Amino acid sequence: MLGDSQLLPPRSVEQLKNLVVTRQAGFSTTLKTVLELGFTQPELIAFGTKASLGSHCRLSQSAISRALTSLGFRSFREFREMFRVYMLERSRQSKGENAGIRQIGVH
């Protein structure tokens, strides 16, 4: 079994959601707060900073760092990048859906 120091972080928000489902009992209150925000308002993580996230959640930056480390992330930057990719994918999907609507003549 891997220790937390050897834990590989999820590589996508979908993998993170699956991890939450399988391990939800083992999460700290801080981590639950950060994850809840990520799942409900992913743009705050994708385009924010650790300081802005801490302010929004009323958590210290060091508490956020420790919580993310428990998931295997080396830094907030790595965690944020996962959410940026997620937001980009959502944007592309939305544009694709809108293009399909325009093609069938619905405006």
Protein backbone atom coordinates (compact mmCIF):
# COMPACT_ATOMS: atom_id res chain seq x y z
CA MET A 1 0.00 0.00 0.00
CA LEU A 2 1.30 3.45 -0.85
CA GLY A 3 1.82 6.00 1.91
CA ASP A 4 0.57 9.56 1.46
CA SER A 5 4.07 10.66 0.49
CA GLN A 6 3.94 8.22 -2.45
CA LEU A 7 0.31 8.80 -3.39
CA LEU A 8 -0.21 9.75 -7.01
CA PRO A 9 -2.61 12.66 -7.38
CA PRO A 10 -5.67 12.42 -9.58
CA ARG A 11 -4.97 13.69 -13.09
CA SER A 12 -8.46 14.97 -13.82
CA VAL A 13 -11.43 16.38 -11.96
CA GLU A 14 -13.33 13.21 -12.93
CA GLN A 15 -10.64 11.07 -11.26
CA LEU A 16 -10.82 13.36 -8.23
CA LYS A 17 -14.59 12.88 -8.02
CA ASN A 18 -14.12 9.10 -8.18
CA LEU A 19 -11.52 9.31 -5.41
CA VAL A 20 -13.95 11.26 -3.24
CA VAL A 21 -16.61 8.59 -3.71
CA THR A 22 -14.25 5.79 -2.72
CA ARG A 23 -12.41 7.56 0.14
CA GLN A 24 -14.82 10.15 1.47
CA ALA A 25 -14.58 8.99 5.09
CA GLY A 26 -10.85 9.75 5.19
CA PHE A 27 -10.94 13.44 4.30
CA SER A 28 -10.18 16.28 6.67
CA THR A 29 -12.64 19.13 7.11
CA THR A 30 -10.22 21.42 5.28
CA LEU A 31 -9.97 19.08 2.32
CA LYS A 32 -13.75 18.63 2.20
CA THR A 33 -14.16 22.41 2.11
CA VAL A 34 -11.67 22.81 -0.76
CA LEU A 35 -13.16 19.91 -2.74
CA GLU A 36 -16.72 21.16 -2.28
CA LEU A 37 -15.69 24.52 -3.67
CA GLY A 38 -13.88 22.85 -6.55
CA PHE A 39 -16.92 20.82 -7.50
CA THR A 40 -19.43 23.65 -7.14
CA GLN A 41 -17.35 26.63 -8.34
CA PRO A 42 -14.35 25.19 -10.22
CA GLU A 43 -13.51 28.59 -11.71
CA LEU A 44 -12.49 29.86 -8.26
CA ILE A 45 -9.73 27.27 -8.15
CA ALA A 46 -8.87 27.33 -11.86
CA PHE A 47 -8.34 31.09 -11.94
CA GLY A 48 -7.58 31.85 -8.32
CA THR A 49 -4.58 31.70 -6.05
CA LYS A 50 -3.99 29.84 -2.84
CA ALA A 51 -4.46 33.14 -1.02
CA SER A 52 -7.80 33.87 -2.71
CA LEU A 53 -8.99 30.31 -2.06
CA GLY A 54 -7.96 30.61 1.58
CA SER A 55 -9.78 33.89 1.93
CA HIS A 56 -12.93 32.55 0.27
CA CYS A 57 -12.96 29.37 2.42
CA ARG A 58 -11.57 31.03 5.56
CA LEU A 59 -8.62 28.63 5.62
CA SER A 60 -4.93 29.29 5.96
CA GLN A 61 -2.70 28.75 2.95
CA SER A 62 -0.67 26.18 4.87
CA ALA A 63 -3.85 24.22 5.73
CA ILE A 64 -4.74 24.15 2.03
CA SER A 65 -1.25 22.95 1.15
CA ARG A 66 -1.41 20.14 3.73
CA ALA A 67 -4.87 19.09 2.52
CA LEU A 68 -3.75 18.93 -1.12
CA THR A 69 -0.59 17.05 -0.18
CA SER A 70 -2.80 14.38 1.41
CA LEU A 71 -4.21 13.74 -2.07
CA GLY A 72 -0.73 13.48 -3.57
CA PHE A 73 -0.46 16.95 -5.11
CA ARG A 74 3.00 18.50 -4.87
CA SER A 75 1.66 22.04 -4.97
CA PHE A 76 -1.42 24.21 -5.28
CA ARG A 77 -0.22 25.03 -8.80
CA GLU A 78 -0.53 21.36 -9.79
CA PHE A 79 -4.05 21.19 -8.29
CA ARG A 80 -5.07 24.44 -10.00
CA GLU A 81 -3.76 23.22 -13.37
CA MET A 82 -6.07 20.20 -13.16
CA PHE A 83 -9.03 22.56 -12.72
CA ARG A 84 -7.84 24.80 -15.58
CA VAL A 85 -7.81 21.81 -17.91
CA TYR A 86 -11.28 20.89 -16.66
CA MET A 87 -12.61 24.40 -17.35
CA LEU A 88 -11.03 24.38 -20.83
CA GLU A 89 -12.67 21.04 -21.61
CA ARG A 90 -16.05 22.34 -20.40
CA SER A 91 -15.65 25.43 -22.55
CA ARG A 92 -14.84 23.35 -25.64
CA GLN A 93 -17.83 21.07 -25.00
CA SER A 94 -20.10 24.08 -24.62
CA LYS A 95 -18.84 25.60 -27.86
CA GLY A 96 -19.36 22.27 -29.64
CA GLU A 97 -22.92 22.02 -28.38
CA ASN A 98 -23.64 25.59 -29.47
CA ALA A 99 -22.21 24.91 -32.93
CA GLY A 100 -24.54 21.92 -33.28
CA ILE A 101 -27.52 24.06 -32.34
CA ARG A 102 -26.57 26.67 -34.95
CA GLN A 103 -26.21 23.96 -37.61
CA ILE A 104 -29.79 22.77 -37.18
CA GLY A 105 -31.09 26.33 -37.37
CA VAL A 106 -31.92 26.98 -33.74
CA HIS A 107 -30.76 30.37 -32.48
